[in-house]
Amino acid sequence: MTVPTNKKFAVVPVTEKVENIIKWLEEKHASDVVALSLERVNSFTDAVIIASAKSVRQAQAIAEHVYAMAKESNYEYLRVEGKDSGQWVLVDLNDVVVNVFQDDVRKLFNLESLWADATVLHQDEAN
């Protein structure tokens, strides 16, 4: 009889996870990175990270890198959406959601204003 094994995910504080993800974004030269704590604002996730990419290919590479590093770090990974078009790529790590935008699409959706009451965990100096 085979005993099912439960996958165990890293138990890492959200702030530490956000710091690691920001490093991964920087490794692929994402720009205008903003991280917001949604713990007291929203119930669907604990933090959201918003970043910009200069091209579709860069957005796709960023998403692939975040996924690979999350897997290596044993972070829970739920899904990626929008990778084919590369205009808005969402990487859902359950307690942290990463959004990678092309600049014009980011301006259109303006997610930062949606969560104006959120605590800023990180903001690039350019913002």
C-alpha atoms as a PDB file:
ATOM      1  CA  MET A   1       0.000   0.000   0.000  1.00  0.00           C
ATOM      2  CA  THR A   2       1.333   3.409  -0.986  1.00  0.00           C
ATOM      3  CA  VAL A   3       1.008   6.137   1.597  1.00  0.00           C
ATOM      4  CA  PRO A   4       0.297   9.514   0.003  1.00  0.00           C
ATOM      5  CA  THR A   5       2.821  12.166   0.842  1.00  0.00           C
ATOM      6  CA  ASN A   6       1.640  15.678   1.444  1.00  0.00           C
ATOM      7  CA  LYS A   7       3.710  18.371  -0.151  1.00  0.00           C
ATOM      8  CA  LYS A   8       4.992  20.700   2.538  1.00  0.00           C
ATOM      9  CA  PHE A   9       5.451  24.311   1.636  1.00  0.00           C
ATOM     10  CA  ALA A  10       7.974  26.635   3.145  1.00  0.00           C
ATOM     11  CA  VAL A  11       6.647  28.403   6.199  1.00  0.00           C
ATOM     12  CA  VAL A  12       8.160  31.786   5.556  1.00  0.00           C
ATOM     13  CA  PRO A  13       6.851  35.114   6.858  1.00  0.00           C
ATOM     14  CA  VAL A  14       5.219  37.150   4.112  1.00  0.00           C
ATOM     15  CA  THR A  15       7.692  40.020   4.491  1.00  0.00           C
ATOM     16  CA  GLU A  16      10.616  37.636   3.935  1.00  0.00           C
ATOM     17  CA  LYS A  17       8.865  36.053   0.955  1.00  0.00           C
ATOM     18  CA  VAL A  18       8.249  39.510  -0.535  1.00  0.00           C
ATOM     19  CA  GLU A  19      11.941  40.422  -0.074  1.00  0.00           C
ATOM     20  CA  ASN A  20      12.981  37.232  -1.881  1.00  0.00           C
ATOM     21  CA  ILE A  21      10.548  37.810  -4.746  1.00  0.00           C
ATOM     22  CA  ILE A  22      11.776  41.384  -5.155  1.00  0.00           C
ATOM     23  CA  LYS A  23      15.334  40.026  -5.499  1.00  0.00           C
ATOM     24  CA  TRP A  24      14.130  37.618  -8.185  1.00  0.00           C
ATOM     25  CA  LEU A  25      12.398  40.474 -10.026  1.00  0.00           C
ATOM     26  CA  GLU A  26      15.575  42.563  -9.853  1.00  0.00           C
ATOM     27  CA  GLU A  27      17.606  39.643 -11.239  1.00  0.00           C
ATOM     28  CA  LYS A  28      15.488  39.893 -14.415  1.00  0.00           C
ATOM     29  CA  HIS A  29      15.622  43.716 -14.427  1.00  0.00           C
ATOM     30  CA  ALA A  30      11.977  44.388 -13.602  1.00  0.00           C
ATOM     31  CA  SER A  31      11.397  48.086 -12.984  1.00  0.00           C
ATOM     32  CA  ASP A  32       9.169  50.271 -10.812  1.00  0.00           C
ATOM     33  CA  VAL A  33       8.632  47.488  -8.267  1.00  0.00           C
ATOM     34  CA  VAL A  34       6.022  48.148  -5.586  1.00  0.00           C
ATOM     35  CA  ALA A  35       5.031  45.702  -2.830  1.00  0.00           C
ATOM     36  CA  LEU A  36       1.903  46.246  -0.749  1.00  0.00           C
ATOM     37  CA  SER A  37       0.697  44.452   2.354  1.00  0.00           C
ATOM     38  CA  LEU A  38      -2.987  43.565   1.968  1.00  0.00           C
ATOM     39  CA  GLU A  39      -3.364  41.777   5.283  1.00  0.00           C
ATOM     40  CA  ARG A  40      -5.658  44.457   6.725  1.00  0.00           C
ATOM     41  CA  VAL A  41      -7.145  45.595   3.425  1.00  0.00           C
ATOM     42  CA  ASN A  42      -8.138  42.474   1.510  1.00  0.00           C
ATOM     43  CA  SER A  43      -8.778  38.804   2.182  1.00  0.00           C
ATOM     44  CA  PHE A  44      -7.642  37.167  -1.060  1.00  0.00           C
ATOM     45  CA  THR A  45      -3.888  37.427  -0.423  1.00  0.00           C
ATOM     46  CA  ASP A  46      -1.448  38.824   2.131  1.00  0.00           C
ATOM     47  CA  ALA A  47       0.684  40.874  -0.262  1.00  0.00           C
ATOM     48  CA  VAL A  48       0.741  42.036  -3.843  1.00  0.00           C
ATOM     49  CA  ILE A  49       3.802  42.966  -5.880  1.00  0.00           C
ATOM     50  CA  ILE A  50       3.528  45.123  -8.989  1.00  0.00           C
ATOM     51  CA  ALA A  51       6.387  45.474 -11.462  1.00  0.00           C
ATOM     52  CA  SER A  52       6.990  46.664 -15.005  1.00  0.00           C
ATOM     53  CA  ALA A  53       8.724  44.951 -17.915  1.00  0.00           C
ATOM     54  CA  LYS A  54      10.110  46.660 -20.995  1.00  0.00           C
ATOM     55  CA  SER A  55       8.934  43.983 -23.438  1.00  0.00           C
ATOM     56  CA  VAL A  56       6.675  40.965 -23.767  1.00  0.00           C
ATOM     57  CA  ARG A  57       9.691  38.665 -23.729  1.00  0.00           C
ATOM     58  CA  GLN A  58      11.021  40.257 -20.535  1.00  0.00           C
ATOM     59  CA  ALA A  59       7.619  39.894 -18.844  1.00  0.00           C
ATOM     60  CA  GLN A  60       7.553  36.226 -19.814  1.00  0.00           C
ATOM     61  CA  ALA A  61      11.127  35.712 -18.585  1.00  0.00           C
ATOM     62  CA  ILE A  62      10.312  37.416 -15.272  1.00  0.00           C
ATOM     63  CA  ALA A  63       7.282  35.164 -14.747  1.00  0.00           C
ATOM     64  CA  GLU A  64       9.297  32.047 -15.596  1.00  0.00           C
ATOM     65  CA  HIS A  65      12.055  33.093 -13.208  1.00  0.00           C
ATOM     66  CA  VAL A  66       9.655  33.821 -10.346  1.00  0.00           C
ATOM     67  CA  TYR A  67       8.013  30.437 -10.895  1.00  0.00           C
ATOM     68  CA  ALA A  68      11.367  28.593 -10.998  1.00  0.00           C
ATOM     69  CA  MET A  69      12.682  30.304  -7.879  1.00  0.00           C
ATOM     70  CA  ALA A  70       9.386  29.779  -6.012  1.00  0.00           C
ATOM     71  CA  LYS A  71       9.557  26.079  -6.862  1.00  0.00           C
ATOM     72  CA  GLU A  72      13.195  25.914  -5.726  1.00  0.00           C
ATOM     73  CA  SER A  73      12.279  27.696  -2.479  1.00  0.00           C
ATOM     74  CA  ASN A  74       9.301  25.382  -1.978  1.00  0.00           C
ATOM     75  CA  TYR A  75       6.835  28.285  -2.017  1.00  0.00           C
ATOM     76  CA  GLU A  76       3.261  27.405  -2.809  1.00  0.00           C
ATOM     77  CA  TYR A  77       2.532  28.092  -6.465  1.00  0.00           C
ATOM     78  CA  LEU A  78      -1.054  28.159  -7.714  1.00  0.00           C
ATOM     79  CA  ARG A  79      -0.934  29.451 -11.288  1.00  0.00           C
ATOM     80  CA  VAL A  80       0.311  31.927 -13.839  1.00  0.00           C
ATOM     81  CA  GLU A  81      -2.044  33.879 -16.087  1.00  0.00           C
ATOM     82  CA  GLY A  82      -1.388  36.093 -19.100  1.00  0.00           C
ATOM     83  CA  LYS A  83       2.061  34.741 -19.877  1.00  0.00           C
ATOM     84  CA  ASP A  84       1.316  34.161 -23.570  1.00  0.00           C
ATOM     85  CA  SER A  85       0.350  37.767 -24.273  1.00  0.00           C
ATOM     86  CA  GLY A  86       2.891  39.219 -21.820  1.00  0.00           C
ATOM     87  CA  GLN A  87       0.902  42.425 -21.336  1.00  0.00           C
ATOM     88  CA  TRP A  88      -0.142  41.613 -17.755  1.00  0.00           C
ATOM     89  CA  VAL A  89       1.327  38.473 -16.270  1.00  0.00           C
ATOM     90  CA  LEU A  90      -0.003  37.353 -12.904  1.00  0.00           C
ATOM     91  CA  VAL A  91       1.969  34.837 -10.828  1.00  0.00           C
ATOM     92  CA  ASP A  92      -0.165  33.539  -7.955  1.00  0.00           C
ATOM     93  CA  LEU A  93       1.919  32.277  -5.035  1.00  0.00           C
ATOM     94  CA  ASN A  94      -1.173  32.121  -2.798  1.00  0.00           C
ATOM     95  CA  ASP A  95      -0.144  34.520  -0.033  1.00  0.00           C
ATOM     96  CA  VAL A  96       1.768  36.762  -2.459  1.00  0.00           C
ATOM     97  CA  VAL A  97       0.493  37.692  -5.921  1.00  0.00           C
ATOM     98  CA  VAL A  98       3.003  39.072  -8.430  1.00  0.00           C
ATOM     99  CA  ASN A  99       1.779  41.296 -11.289  1.00  0.00           C
ATOM    100  CA  VAL A 100       4.162  42.075 -14.161  1.00  0.00           C
ATOM    101  CA  PHE A 101       2.891  44.721 -16.583  1.00  0.00           C
ATOM    102  CA  GLN A 102       3.870  46.464 -19.764  1.00  0.00           C
ATOM    103  CA  ASP A 103       3.995  50.178 -18.830  1.00  0.00           C
ATOM    104  CA  ASP A 104       0.881  51.274 -20.757  1.00  0.00           C
ATOM    105  CA  VAL A 105      -1.214  48.417 -19.342  1.00  0.00           C
ATOM    106  CA  ARG A 106       0.012  49.169 -15.824  1.00  0.00           C
ATOM    107  CA  LYS A 107      -1.059  52.793 -16.185  1.00  0.00           C
ATOM    108  CA  LEU A 108      -4.451  51.700 -17.511  1.00  0.00           C
ATOM    109  CA  PHE A 109      -5.263  49.396 -14.575  1.00  0.00           C
ATOM    110  CA  ASN A 110      -3.439  51.443 -11.899  1.00  0.00           C
ATOM    111  CA  LEU A 111      -3.554  48.710  -9.242  1.00  0.00           C
ATOM    112  CA  GLU A 112      -1.627  50.843  -6.786  1.00  0.00           C
ATOM    113  CA  SER A 113      -4.618  53.188  -6.457  1.00  0.00           C
ATOM    114  CA  LEU A 114      -6.956  50.241  -5.908  1.00  0.00           C
ATOM    115  CA  TRP A 115      -5.148  49.505  -2.648  1.00  0.00           C
ATOM    116  CA  ALA A 116      -4.271  53.059  -1.617  1.00  0.00           C
ATOM    117  CA  ASP A 117      -4.884  52.147   2.053  1.00  0.00           C
ATOM    118  CA  ALA A 118      -2.372  49.292   1.978  1.00  0.00           C
ATOM    119  CA  THR A 119       0.938  49.418   3.806  1.00  0.00           C
ATOM    120  CA  VAL A 120       3.866  49.851   1.403  1.00  0.00           C
ATOM    121  CA  LEU A 121       6.437  47.112   1.973  1.00  0.00           C
ATOM    122  CA  HIS A 122       8.731  48.172  -0.876  1.00  0.00           C
ATOM    123  CA  GLN A 123       8.793  50.894  -3.482  1.00  0.00           C
ATOM    124  CA  ASP A 124      11.533  51.537  -6.013  1.00  0.00           C
ATOM    125  CA  GLU A 125      13.084  54.966  -5.651  1.00  0.00           C
ATOM    126  CA  ALA A 126      11.890  55.906  -9.157  1.00  0.00           C
ATOM    127  CA  ASN A 127       8.259  55.932  -7.936  1.00  0.00           C
END
